[in-house]
Amino acid sequence: MMLNKLHAAFAALALSFAAQAQYVYVDFNDTTLSVNGQIVDLDVNQDTAMDFRFTLLRDTGTTTNLIDAALVSPFDSVNGAILGQQRGLFHYADRLEVGDLIGATSSWAGMSPSDEYGTIDYRFDSVHDPYSQWQAPYSDGFLGTRTEKNGQFIYGWIRLQMAADGKSFTLKDCAYQQKADSTIEAGHLWISVPEVGMEGYSWRVAQGGLYLQRPANQAAAQVRVLSLNGQTLLSGTWREEDWAMPIAALPSSVVLLVVECEGQHWVERIPLVQP
């Protein structure tokens, strides 16, 4: 079965569950910057205007060719900002974990007011500046973002992963709090949503696989399987009655299943333990 990335943004049960804020999740193809001077622009708050530019510097430097750095800069240098602070010589973007709060009281000094960019990672001759938080383990982290929309601040996050050698990094997805001037938790979209079922939908774990079943003649559904730290493990479109995936493809003992079909949602925490 072909598993496709979900490209459209969707609201994470904001209208269905009061416990979940008005979070909007934006998925896109994982994008890796690996060439010196390469840039990628992101529209975090989905207003069609780009919010942040990411730049990779690799094997560069006026005389040394020994500098590797990952930088982020806002298109709106007045209102656009990255959560962080000045540490040492640079304004560094903080590395956030799942559940960290992003809002008005956060430290928005992750970008230099004079140079108008923030440093994610900086290395000279492969040695880290000690003030960078994007060091081992080289797993996913979150950048806290602030943008302006209709005269109000919108808070969000961007997920990225630095390569261990500092010569590339990958942008994975982002999200924002639709309600203006309101906080958002890094990575928290589906994680704190209570379980909810859909009539006729069921699951079972057997013979090395996770099997999903639903009534016949249903409309196509969108499926996401996440780890409990918010990482997307698998995603795709469910068109038939059955859906099967190997447990070996799900490197987690418990996963969060999210199925969306015609405005209804099935949210289930599934232990990947065979009876």
Protein backbone atom coordinates (compact mmCIF):
# COMPACT_ATOMS: atom_id res chain seq x y z
CA MET A 1 0.00 0.00 0.00
CA MET A 2 1.36 3.41 -0.95
CA LEU A 3 1.73 5.73 2.02
CA ASN A 4 1.61 9.41 1.04
CA LYS A 5 2.44 12.52 3.02
CA LEU A 6 -0.59 14.67 3.78
CA HIS A 7 -0.06 18.05 2.17
CA ALA A 8 -3.16 19.98 3.26
CA ALA A 9 -3.32 21.78 6.59
CA PHE A 10 -6.08 20.70 8.95
CA ALA A 11 -7.45 21.80 12.31
CA ALA A 12 -6.68 19.36 15.11
CA LEU A 13 -10.15 18.71 16.49
CA ALA A 14 -10.41 22.34 17.58
CA LEU A 15 -14.16 22.45 17.11
CA SER A 16 -14.78 18.95 18.45
CA PHE A 17 -12.82 19.06 21.69
CA ALA A 18 -12.73 22.06 23.99
CA ALA A 19 -9.65 20.61 25.65
CA GLN A 20 -7.67 21.05 22.45
CA ALA A 21 -6.92 24.61 21.40
CA GLN A 22 -7.34 25.91 17.88
CA TYR A 23 -4.18 24.32 16.56
CA VAL A 24 -3.65 24.04 12.82
CA TYR A 25 -1.13 21.47 11.64
CA VAL A 26 0.72 21.88 8.34
CA ASP A 27 2.45 18.87 6.83
CA PHE A 28 4.77 19.02 3.86
CA ASN A 29 7.34 16.79 2.25
CA ASP A 30 10.42 16.51 4.45
CA THR A 31 12.87 19.04 3.00
CA THR A 32 16.60 18.68 3.54
CA LEU A 33 19.09 21.52 3.03
CA SER A 34 22.48 20.03 2.18
CA VAL A 35 24.15 22.45 -0.26
CA ASN A 36 26.06 25.57 0.76
CA GLY A 37 23.81 28.63 0.42
CA GLN A 38 20.63 26.57 -0.02
CA ILE A 39 17.45 28.26 1.23
CA VAL A 40 13.91 27.14 2.03
CA ASP A 41 11.01 29.50 2.79
CA LEU A 42 8.05 28.56 5.02
CA ASP A 43 4.58 30.02 5.46
CA VAL A 44 3.83 28.91 9.02
CA ASN A 45 0.48 30.65 9.58
CA GLN A 46 -0.89 29.80 6.12
CA ASP A 47 -1.78 33.31 5.03
CA THR A 48 0.03 32.83 1.65
CA ALA A 49 2.89 35.15 2.72
CA MET A 50 6.20 33.51 3.59
CA ASP A 51 7.19 33.91 7.24
CA PHE A 52 10.70 32.49 7.64
CA ARG A 53 13.71 31.71 5.47
CA PHE A 54 16.09 28.90 6.40
CA THR A 55 19.67 28.99 5.11
CA LEU A 56 22.45 26.41 5.25
CA LEU A 57 26.09 27.45 5.28
CA ARG A 58 28.41 24.54 4.64
CA ASP A 59 32.21 24.37 4.33
CA THR A 60 32.35 28.15 4.05
CA GLY A 61 34.18 31.12 5.56
CA THR A 62 36.15 33.91 3.88
CA THR A 63 39.52 32.24 4.29
CA THR A 64 38.94 28.98 6.16
CA ASN A 65 36.10 27.06 4.48
CA LEU A 66 35.61 25.52 7.93
CA ILE A 67 32.29 27.07 8.96
CA ASP A 68 29.00 25.14 9.01
CA ALA A 69 25.85 26.91 10.19
CA ALA A 70 22.06 26.71 10.06
CA LEU A 71 20.29 30.08 10.09
CA VAL A 72 16.68 31.29 10.21
CA SER A 73 15.48 34.79 9.32
CA PRO A 74 12.02 36.43 9.24
CA PHE A 75 10.46 38.10 6.22
CA ASP A 76 8.77 40.50 8.65
CA SER A 77 11.68 41.73 10.75
CA VAL A 78 9.37 43.76 13.01
CA ASN A 79 6.81 41.13 14.03
CA GLY A 80 8.38 37.83 12.97
CA ALA A 81 10.48 36.19 15.67
CA ILE A 82 11.99 32.91 16.82
CA LEU A 83 11.98 31.82 20.46
CA GLY A 84 15.51 32.00 21.84
CA GLN A 85 18.09 34.31 23.37
CA GLN A 86 21.57 35.70 22.96
CA ARG A 87 24.21 33.28 24.16
CA GLY A 88 27.83 34.18 23.60
CA LEU A 89 28.35 35.99 20.30
CA PHE A 90 25.13 34.88 18.60
CA HIS A 91 21.38 35.09 19.01
CA TYR A 92 20.46 31.41 19.20
CA ALA A 93 17.15 29.72 18.41
CA ASP A 94 16.16 27.51 21.35
CA ARG A 95 15.50 23.83 20.81
CA LEU A 96 12.10 22.99 22.29
CA GLU A 97 10.70 19.62 23.30
CA VAL A 98 7.14 18.30 23.09
CA GLY A 99 4.94 20.21 25.51
CA ASP A 100 7.08 23.35 25.87
CA LEU A 101 4.89 26.47 25.89
CA ILE A 102 5.19 29.07 23.14
CA GLY A 103 3.49 32.43 23.73
CA ALA A 104 3.75 36.08 24.65
CA THR A 105 5.88 35.47 27.75
CA SER A 106 8.50 33.43 25.86
CA SER A 107 11.94 34.88 25.20
CA TRP A 108 11.80 36.22 21.64
CA ALA A 109 15.47 37.15 21.37
CA GLY A 110 16.35 34.26 19.08
CA MET A 111 17.12 36.68 16.25
CA SER A 112 19.66 39.47 16.23
CA PRO A 113 17.90 42.86 15.95
CA SER A 114 20.81 44.22 13.91
CA ASP A 115 21.56 41.26 11.64
CA GLU A 116 17.92 40.11 11.48
CA TYR A 117 18.64 36.40 11.64
CA GLY A 118 18.89 33.72 14.27
CA THR A 119 21.48 30.96 14.55
CA ILE A 120 20.21 27.41 14.96
CA ASP A 121 23.59 25.69 14.77
CA TYR A 122 27.18 26.95 14.32
CA ARG A 123 30.41 24.95 14.00
CA PHE A 124 33.99 25.85 13.22
CA ASP A 125 36.19 23.03 11.97
CA SER A 126 33.39 20.60 12.98
CA VAL A 127 33.39 21.84 16.61
CA HIS A 128 30.12 23.16 18.05
CA ASP A 129 29.76 26.59 19.48
CA PRO A 130 28.85 25.40 23.02
CA TYR A 131 25.85 27.73 23.16
CA SER A 132 23.95 25.91 20.42
CA GLN A 133 21.20 23.68 21.84
CA TRP A 134 20.90 21.63 18.63
CA GLN A 135 23.46 19.05 19.61
CA ALA A 136 23.29 15.32 20.41
CA PRO A 137 21.00 13.50 20.42
CA TYR A 138 20.33 14.48 16.81
CA SER A 139 16.61 13.86 16.94
CA ASP A 140 13.64 16.10 16.15
CA GLY A 141 13.38 19.44 17.91
CA PHE A 142 11.01 22.39 17.66
CA LEU A 143 11.53 26.07 16.89
CA GLY A 144 9.02 28.40 18.54
CA THR A 145 7.65 30.96 16.07
CA ARG A 146 5.84 34.29 16.27
CA THR A 147 4.16 35.80 13.22
CA GLU A 148 1.67 38.60 12.60
CA LYS A 149 -1.74 38.09 11.04
CA ASN A 150 -4.47 40.74 10.82
CA GLY A 151 -2.61 42.93 13.28
CA GLN A 152 -2.28 40.23 15.96
CA PHE A 153 0.44 37.80 16.97
CA ILE A 154 0.15 34.13 15.98
CA TYR A 155 2.32 31.59 17.79
CA GLY A 156 3.48 28.29 16.36
CA TRP A 157 6.33 25.85 15.90
CA ILE A 158 8.51 24.28 13.21
CA ARG A 159 9.92 20.77 13.57
CA LEU A 160 13.43 20.16 12.28
CA GLN A 161 16.35 17.79 12.69
CA MET A 162 20.04 18.65 12.45
CA ALA A 163 22.45 16.17 10.90
CA ALA A 164 25.11 14.90 13.27
CA ASP A 165 27.91 16.45 11.18
CA GLY A 166 26.15 19.83 10.97
CA LYS A 167 26.36 19.86 7.18
CA SER A 168 22.62 19.50 6.57
CA PHE A 169 19.27 19.77 8.32
CA THR A 170 15.72 18.68 7.55
CA LEU A 171 12.47 20.62 7.92
CA LYS A 172 9.57 18.25 8.66
CA ASP A 173 6.33 20.05 9.53
CA CYS A 174 4.90 23.00 11.43
CA ALA A 175 1.80 24.19 13.27
CA TYR A 176 0.25 27.35 14.63
CA GLN A 177 -2.32 28.46 17.17
CA GLN A 178 -5.22 29.87 15.14
CA LYS A 179 -6.50 31.93 18.06
CA ALA A 180 -4.55 35.19 18.10
CA ASP A 181 -2.31 36.03 21.06
CA SER A 182 -2.77 32.53 22.50
CA THR A 183 -0.15 29.99 23.51
CA ILE A 184 0.61 26.71 21.78
CA GLU A 185 2.50 23.69 23.07
CA ALA A 186 5.37 22.45 20.93
CA GLY A 187 4.39 19.27 19.14
CA HIS A 188 1.03 19.03 20.88
CA LEU A 189 -1.65 18.49 18.26
CA TRP A 190 -3.21 15.12 18.84
CA ILE A 191 -1.22 14.04 21.85
CA SER A 192 -3.54 15.46 24.53
CA VAL A 193 -6.79 14.74 22.69
CA PRO A 194 -9.00 12.16 24.47
CA GLU A 195 -9.74 8.90 22.69
CA VAL A 196 -12.87 8.86 20.55
CA GLY A 197 -14.32 6.08 18.42
CA MET A 198 -16.20 5.88 15.13
CA GLU A 199 -19.01 3.39 14.57
CA GLY A 200 -17.82 0.23 12.83
CA TYR A 201 -14.11 1.12 13.00
CA SER A 202 -11.83 -1.30 14.85
CA TRP A 203 -8.23 -2.42 15.18
CA ARG A 204 -6.21 -5.48 16.17
CA VAL A 205 -2.55 -6.39 16.51
CA ALA A 206 -1.64 -9.85 15.20
CA GLN A 207 0.99 -11.70 13.17
CA GLY A 208 3.44 -8.84 13.23
CA GLY A 209 1.00 -6.26 11.94
CA LEU A 210 -1.48 -3.57 12.95
CA TYR A 211 -4.81 -4.17 11.19
CA LEU A 212 -7.60 -1.62 10.83
CA GLN A 213 -11.13 -2.40 9.69
CA ARG A 214 -14.23 -0.36 8.88
CA PRO A 215 -17.62 -0.80 7.16
CA ALA A 216 -17.78 -1.17 3.39
CA ASN A 217 -18.51 1.72 1.03
CA GLN A 218 -17.01 4.39 3.25
CA ALA A 219 -15.48 7.57 1.85
CA ALA A 220 -11.70 7.82 1.73
CA ALA A 221 -10.21 8.53 5.16
CA GLN A 222 -6.93 10.17 6.14
CA VAL A 223 -4.78 8.10 8.49
CA ARG A 224 -1.91 9.21 10.70
CA VAL A 225 0.12 7.02 13.04
CA LEU A 226 2.19 9.00 15.55
CA SER A 227 4.57 8.23 18.35
CA LEU A 228 3.59 9.59 21.75
CA ASN A 229 6.15 12.40 21.39
CA GLY A 230 4.25 13.70 18.36
CA GLN A 231 6.42 12.32 15.55
CA THR A 232 4.57 11.13 12.45
CA LEU A 233 5.52 7.50 11.79
CA LEU A 234 3.16 6.73 8.89
CA SER A 235 0.44 8.59 7.04
CA GLY A 236 -1.76 7.92 4.06
CA THR A 237 -5.23 7.55 2.55
CA TRP A 238 -7.54 4.66 3.54
CA ARG A 239 -9.94 3.72 0.72
CA GLU A 240 -10.83 0.05 1.23
CA GLU A 241 -12.39 -1.81 4.17
CA ASP A 242 -9.06 -2.96 5.57
CA TRP A 243 -5.73 -1.28 6.26
CA ALA A 244 -2.64 -3.18 7.37
CA MET A 245 0.83 -2.05 8.35
CA PRO A 246 3.82 -3.97 9.74
CA ILE A 247 4.69 -3.35 13.37
CA ALA A 248 8.34 -3.31 12.33
CA ALA A 249 7.64 -0.01 10.56
CA LEU A 250 6.45 1.53 13.84
CA PRO A 251 9.45 1.95 16.17
CA SER A 252 7.37 2.55 19.29
CA SER A 253 5.69 0.34 21.89
CA VAL A 254 2.54 2.51 21.86
CA VAL A 255 1.27 4.57 18.94
CA LEU A 256 -1.44 7.16 18.50
CA LEU A 257 -3.83 6.41 15.65
CA VAL A 258 -5.75 9.33 14.13
CA VAL A 259 -8.33 8.68 11.40
CA GLU A 260 -10.35 11.49 9.80
CA CYS A 261 -13.34 10.75 7.55
CA GLU A 262 -16.08 13.17 6.48
CA GLY A 263 -15.66 15.44 9.48
CA GLN A 264 -15.49 12.60 12.04
CA HIS A 265 -12.41 11.47 13.91
CA TRP A 266 -11.18 8.21 15.39
CA VAL A 267 -8.39 8.72 17.95
CA GLU A 268 -6.92 5.65 19.64
CA ARG A 269 -3.80 4.86 21.66
CA ILE A 270 -2.69 1.39 20.58
CA PRO A 271 -0.14 -0.80 22.39
CA LEU A 272 1.82 -2.76 19.80
CA VAL A 273 1.84 -5.94 21.85
CA GLN A 274 0.54 -9.15 20.34
CA PRO A 275 -1.81 -11.16 22.53
